[in-house]
C-alpha atoms as a PDB file:
ATOM      1  CA  UNK A   1      -8.863 -22.178  10.631  1.00  0.00           C
ATOM      2  CA  UNK A   2      -6.551 -21.266   7.753  1.00  0.00           C
ATOM      3  CA  UNK A   3      -6.549 -21.932   4.054  1.00  0.00           C
ATOM      4  CA  UNK A   4      -3.283 -23.950   3.123  1.00  0.00           C
ATOM      5  CA  UNK A   5      -3.719 -24.552  -0.405  1.00  0.00           C
ATOM      6  CA  UNK A   6      -6.226 -23.489  -3.009  1.00  0.00           C
ATOM      7  CA  UNK A   7      -6.133 -24.171  -6.978  1.00  0.00           C
ATOM      8  CA  UNK A   8      -7.644 -21.326  -9.378  1.00  0.00           C
ATOM      9  CA  UNK A   9      -8.234 -21.951 -13.238  1.00  0.00           C
ATOM     10  CA  UNK A  10      -8.883 -19.393 -15.923  1.00  0.00           C
ATOM     11  CA  UNK A  11      -9.400 -19.953 -19.774  1.00  0.00           C
ATOM     12  CA  UNK A  12      -5.607 -19.641 -20.474  1.00  0.00           C
ATOM     13  CA  UNK A  13      -4.084 -21.106 -17.348  1.00  0.00           C
ATOM     14  CA  UNK A  14      -4.074 -22.813 -13.867  1.00  0.00           C
ATOM     15  CA  UNK A  15      -2.536 -21.379 -10.449  1.00  0.00           C
ATOM     16  CA  UNK A  16      -1.935 -23.377  -7.143  1.00  0.00           C
ATOM     17  CA  UNK A  17      -1.321 -21.100  -4.198  1.00  0.00           C
ATOM     18  CA  UNK A  18      -0.222 -22.671  -0.918  1.00  0.00           C
ATOM     19  CA  UNK A  19       1.314 -21.542   2.331  1.00  0.00           C
ATOM     20  CA  UNK A  20       4.262 -23.228   3.724  1.00  0.00           C
ATOM     21  CA  UNK A  21       5.979 -22.929   7.009  1.00  0.00           C
ATOM     22  CA  UNK A  22       9.525 -21.403   6.719  1.00  0.00           C
ATOM     23  CA  UNK A  23      12.486 -21.803   8.653  1.00  0.00           C
ATOM     24  CA  UNK A  24      12.576 -20.053  12.033  1.00  0.00           C
ATOM     25  CA  UNK A  25       8.571 -19.591  12.010  1.00  0.00           C
ATOM     26  CA  UNK A  26       8.524 -17.444   8.912  1.00  0.00           C
ATOM     27  CA  UNK A  27       5.720 -18.688   6.565  1.00  0.00           C
ATOM     28  CA  UNK A  28       5.804 -18.251   2.882  1.00  0.00           C
ATOM     29  CA  UNK A  29       3.302 -17.996   0.145  1.00  0.00           C
ATOM     30  CA  UNK A  30       4.104 -20.078  -2.996  1.00  0.00           C
ATOM     31  CA  UNK A  31       2.374 -19.525  -6.201  1.00  0.00           C
ATOM     32  CA  UNK A  32       2.783 -22.005  -9.128  1.00  0.00           C
ATOM     33  CA  UNK A  33       1.379 -20.828 -12.417  1.00  0.00           C
ATOM     34  CA  UNK A  34       0.869 -22.892 -15.714  1.00  0.00           C
ATOM     35  CA  UNK A  35      -0.375 -21.619 -19.032  1.00  0.00           C
ATOM     36  CA  UNK A  36      -2.183 -23.933 -21.038  1.00  0.00           C
ATOM     37  CA  UNK A  37      -0.824 -22.984 -24.485  1.00  0.00           C
ATOM     38  CA  UNK A  38       2.447 -20.759 -24.270  1.00  0.00           C
ATOM     39  CA  UNK A  39       3.427 -18.683 -26.968  1.00  0.00           C
ATOM     40  CA  UNK A  40       6.151 -16.152 -26.018  1.00  0.00           C
ATOM     41  CA  UNK A  41       5.500 -16.332 -22.328  1.00  0.00           C
ATOM     42  CA  UNK A  42       7.148 -18.729 -20.013  1.00  0.00           C
ATOM     43  CA  UNK A  43       4.838 -21.690 -19.456  1.00  0.00           C
ATOM     44  CA  UNK A  44       5.421 -22.270 -15.813  1.00  0.00           C
ATOM     45  CA  UNK A  45       6.304 -19.284 -13.355  1.00  0.00           C
ATOM     46  CA  UNK A  46       6.543 -19.532  -9.501  1.00  0.00           C
ATOM     47  CA  UNK A  47       6.665 -17.006  -6.872  1.00  0.00           C
ATOM     48  CA  UNK A  48       7.836 -17.301  -3.235  1.00  0.00           C
ATOM     49  CA  UNK A  49       6.533 -14.700  -1.209  1.00  0.00           C
ATOM     50  CA  UNK A  50       6.796 -13.797   2.564  1.00  0.00           C
ATOM     51  CA  UNK A  51       3.369 -14.457   4.180  1.00  0.00           C
ATOM     52  CA  UNK A  52       3.855 -10.802   5.694  1.00  0.00           C
ATOM     53  CA  UNK A  53       3.639  -9.378   2.228  1.00  0.00           C
ATOM     54  CA  UNK A  54       1.942  -6.006   1.933  1.00  0.00           C
ATOM     55  CA  UNK A  55      -1.473  -5.759   0.087  1.00  0.00           C
ATOM     56  CA  UNK A  56       0.193  -3.476  -2.572  1.00  0.00           C
ATOM     57  CA  UNK A  57       2.929  -5.986  -3.384  1.00  0.00           C
ATOM     58  CA  UNK A  58       0.473  -8.601  -3.223  1.00  0.00           C
ATOM     59  CA  UNK A  59      -1.905  -6.704  -5.627  1.00  0.00           C
ATOM     60  CA  UNK A  60       0.969  -6.521  -8.105  1.00  0.00           C
ATOM     61  CA  UNK A  61       1.353 -10.149  -8.275  1.00  0.00           C
ATOM     62  CA  UNK A  62      -2.492 -10.710  -8.506  1.00  0.00           C
ATOM     63  CA  UNK A  63      -2.386  -8.667 -11.633  1.00  0.00           C
ATOM     64  CA  UNK A  64       0.400 -10.957 -13.125  1.00  0.00           C
ATOM     65  CA  UNK A  65      -1.611 -14.067 -11.943  1.00  0.00           C
ATOM     66  CA  UNK A  66      -4.869 -12.829 -13.347  1.00  0.00           C
ATOM     67  CA  UNK A  67      -3.209 -12.168 -16.766  1.00  0.00           C
ATOM     68  CA  UNK A  68      -1.637 -15.663 -16.888  1.00  0.00           C
ATOM     69  CA  UNK A  69      -4.957 -17.400 -16.004  1.00  0.00           C
ATOM     70  CA  UNK A  70      -7.364 -15.370 -18.040  1.00  0.00           C
ATOM     71  CA  UNK A  71      -5.191 -14.760 -21.023  1.00  0.00           C
ATOM     72  CA  UNK A  72      -5.890 -11.022 -21.064  1.00  0.00           C
ATOM     73  CA  UNK A  73      -4.993  -8.066 -18.883  1.00  0.00           C
ATOM     74  CA  UNK A  74      -8.245  -7.899 -16.820  1.00  0.00           C
ATOM     75  CA  UNK A  75     -10.345  -5.055 -15.241  1.00  0.00           C
ATOM     76  CA  UNK A  76      -9.551  -4.043 -11.605  1.00  0.00           C
ATOM     77  CA  UNK A  77     -12.577  -6.145 -10.377  1.00  0.00           C
ATOM     78  CA  UNK A  78     -11.147  -9.139 -12.287  1.00  0.00           C
ATOM     79  CA  UNK A  79      -7.569  -8.742 -10.636  1.00  0.00           C
ATOM     80  CA  UNK A  80      -9.497  -8.168  -7.234  1.00  0.00           C
ATOM     81  CA  UNK A  81     -11.182 -11.578  -7.631  1.00  0.00           C
ATOM     82  CA  UNK A  82      -7.721 -13.326  -7.753  1.00  0.00           C
ATOM     83  CA  UNK A  83      -6.134 -10.668  -5.287  1.00  0.00           C
ATOM     84  CA  UNK A  84      -9.148 -11.615  -2.568  1.00  0.00           C
ATOM     85  CA  UNK A  85      -8.370 -15.387  -2.749  1.00  0.00           C
ATOM     86  CA  UNK A  86      -4.457 -14.733  -2.423  1.00  0.00           C
ATOM     87  CA  UNK A  87      -5.215 -12.641   0.675  1.00  0.00           C
ATOM     88  CA  UNK A  88      -6.181 -15.914   2.474  1.00  0.00           C
ATOM     89  CA  UNK A  89      -2.376 -16.810   2.759  1.00  0.00           C
ATOM     90  CA  UNK A  90      -1.141 -13.448   4.297  1.00  0.00           C
ATOM     91  CA  UNK A  91      -0.447 -13.009   7.947  1.00  0.00           C
END
């Protein structure tokens, strides 16, 4: 069994994460982030990542996703909560 889509919501925004098959069998992870009340930040942001992304690179994306969803730079454990959910989509 594999998770193919999940949606997460924080106080400042929402994120949808899904795994899509790519050309030639390479799967990708698509992350769509929407801010509830954008100020100086971009309201909508999308990442297209290879499903074979390393944990280190995925953690960097999780830091930004956490910030966009929660509206503040979170503690390591807050980021790790998002990171754990995003790892479901890795190869």
